[in-house]
Amino acid sequence: MGTMAKTKQEKVARNNKIGQYIAIATGLYYLGKMILDRRQKK
């Protein structure tokens, strides 16, 4: 039971890390899109 709880915690930690990467990637994507849109308007 103890080992099972540990693997569950590891899985949650891994999912949190993936979520952080997705959030960063999404933020960079929108930032780049905004910059490109501004350049095209000029």
N, C-alpha and C. Protein backbone atom coordinates (compact mmCIF):
# COMPACT_ATOMS: atom_id res chain seq x y z
N MET A 1 0.83 -1.20 0.00
CA MET A 1 0.00 0.00 0.00
C MET A 1 0.88 1.27 0.00
N GLY A 2 1.95 1.20 0.77
CA GLY A 2 2.85 2.36 0.82
C GLY A 2 3.49 2.66 -0.53
N THR A 3 3.92 1.60 -1.23
CA THR A 3 4.55 1.80 -2.54
C THR A 3 3.54 2.33 -3.56
N MET A 4 2.31 1.88 -3.45
CA MET A 4 1.27 2.33 -4.37
C MET A 4 1.03 3.83 -4.22
N ALA A 5 1.00 4.30 -2.97
CA ALA A 5 0.81 5.73 -2.71
C ALA A 5 1.97 6.53 -3.31
N LYS A 6 3.17 5.95 -3.24
CA LYS A 6 4.34 6.64 -3.77
C LYS A 6 4.25 6.79 -5.29
N THR A 7 3.87 5.72 -5.96
CA THR A 7 3.76 5.78 -7.42
C THR A 7 2.67 6.77 -7.82
N LYS A 8 1.60 6.84 -7.04
CA LYS A 8 0.51 7.79 -7.32
C LYS A 8 1.02 9.22 -7.19
N GLN A 9 1.81 9.48 -6.15
CA GLN A 9 2.39 10.82 -5.96
C GLN A 9 3.32 11.17 -7.12
N GLU A 10 4.12 10.19 -7.57
CA GLU A 10 5.03 10.42 -8.68
C GLU A 10 4.25 10.74 -9.95
N LYS A 11 3.16 10.03 -10.15
CA LYS A 11 2.31 10.25 -11.33
C LYS A 11 1.73 11.66 -11.30
N VAL A 12 1.25 12.08 -10.12
CA VAL A 12 0.68 13.42 -9.97
C VAL A 12 1.75 14.48 -10.23
N ALA A 13 2.95 14.26 -9.69
CA ALA A 13 4.06 15.21 -9.89
C ALA A 13 4.40 15.31 -11.37
N ARG A 14 4.41 14.17 -12.06
CA ARG A 14 4.72 14.15 -13.50
C ARG A 14 3.64 14.91 -14.27
N ASN A 15 2.38 14.68 -13.91
CA ASN A 15 1.27 15.37 -14.58
C ASN A 15 1.35 16.88 -14.35
N ASN A 16 1.72 17.29 -13.13
CA ASN A 16 1.86 18.71 -12.83
C ASN A 16 2.95 19.33 -13.69
N LYS A 17 4.06 18.60 -13.87
CA LYS A 17 5.17 19.09 -14.68
C LYS A 17 4.74 19.26 -16.13
N ILE A 18 4.01 18.27 -16.64
CA ILE A 18 3.49 18.35 -18.02
C ILE A 18 2.54 19.54 -18.14
N GLY A 19 1.69 19.73 -17.15
CA GLY A 19 0.76 20.87 -17.15
C GLY A 19 1.51 22.19 -17.19
N GLN A 20 2.62 22.29 -16.43
CA GLN A 20 3.43 23.51 -16.43
C GLN A 20 4.02 23.75 -17.81
N TYR A 21 4.55 22.70 -18.44
CA TYR A 21 5.14 22.85 -19.77
C TYR A 21 4.09 23.30 -20.78
N ILE A 22 2.89 22.73 -20.69
CA ILE A 22 1.81 23.11 -21.60
C ILE A 22 1.44 24.58 -21.38
N ALA A 23 1.35 25.00 -20.12
CA ALA A 23 1.01 26.38 -19.81
C ALA A 23 2.06 27.35 -20.36
N ILE A 24 3.34 27.00 -20.19
CA ILE A 24 4.43 27.84 -20.70
C ILE A 24 4.38 27.90 -22.22
N ALA A 25 4.21 26.73 -22.86
CA ALA A 25 4.16 26.67 -24.32
C ALA A 25 2.99 27.48 -24.86
N THR A 26 1.83 27.36 -24.20
CA THR A 26 0.65 28.11 -24.63
C THR A 26 0.89 29.60 -24.49
N GLY A 27 1.48 30.01 -23.36
CA GLY A 27 1.78 31.42 -23.12
C GLY A 27 2.73 31.97 -24.18
N LEU A 28 3.78 31.22 -24.51
CA LEU A 28 4.73 31.65 -25.53
C LEU A 28 4.05 31.74 -26.89
N TYR A 29 3.18 30.77 -27.20
CA TYR A 29 2.47 30.76 -28.47
C TYR A 29 1.62 32.03 -28.63
N TYR A 30 0.85 32.36 -27.59
CA TYR A 30 -0.01 33.54 -27.67
C TYR A 30 0.81 34.82 -27.71
N LEU A 31 1.92 34.86 -26.97
CA LEU A 31 2.80 36.02 -26.98
C LEU A 31 3.36 36.23 -28.39
N GLY A 32 3.85 35.15 -29.00
CA GLY A 32 4.38 35.24 -30.37
C GLY A 32 3.31 35.66 -31.36
N LYS A 33 2.12 35.14 -31.20
CA LYS A 33 1.00 35.48 -32.09
C LYS A 33 0.67 36.96 -31.97
N MET A 34 0.67 37.47 -30.74
CA MET A 34 0.38 38.88 -30.50
C MET A 34 1.41 39.77 -31.17
N ILE A 35 2.69 39.40 -31.04
CA ILE A 35 3.78 40.18 -31.63
C ILE A 35 3.65 40.16 -33.16
N LEU A 36 3.38 39.00 -33.72
CA LEU A 36 3.22 38.89 -35.18
C LEU A 36 2.03 39.73 -35.66
N ASP A 37 0.93 39.69 -34.92
CA ASP A 37 -0.25 40.48 -35.29
C ASP A 37 0.07 41.97 -35.28
N ARG A 38 0.83 42.41 -34.29
CA ARG A 38 1.20 43.82 -34.20
C ARG A 38 2.08 44.22 -35.38
N ARG A 39 3.02 43.34 -35.75
CA ARG A 39 3.92 43.63 -36.87
C ARG A 39 3.15 43.73 -38.18
N GLN A 40 2.17 42.86 -38.35
CA GLN A 40 1.39 42.85 -39.60
C GLN A 40 0.52 44.10 -39.73
N LYS A 41 0.05 44.63 -38.60
CA LYS A 41 -0.81 45.82 -38.62
C LYS A 41 -0.04 47.07 -39.09
N LYS A 42 1.27 47.13 -38.79
CA LYS A 42 2.06 48.32 -39.13
C LYS A 42 2.20 48.55 -40.62
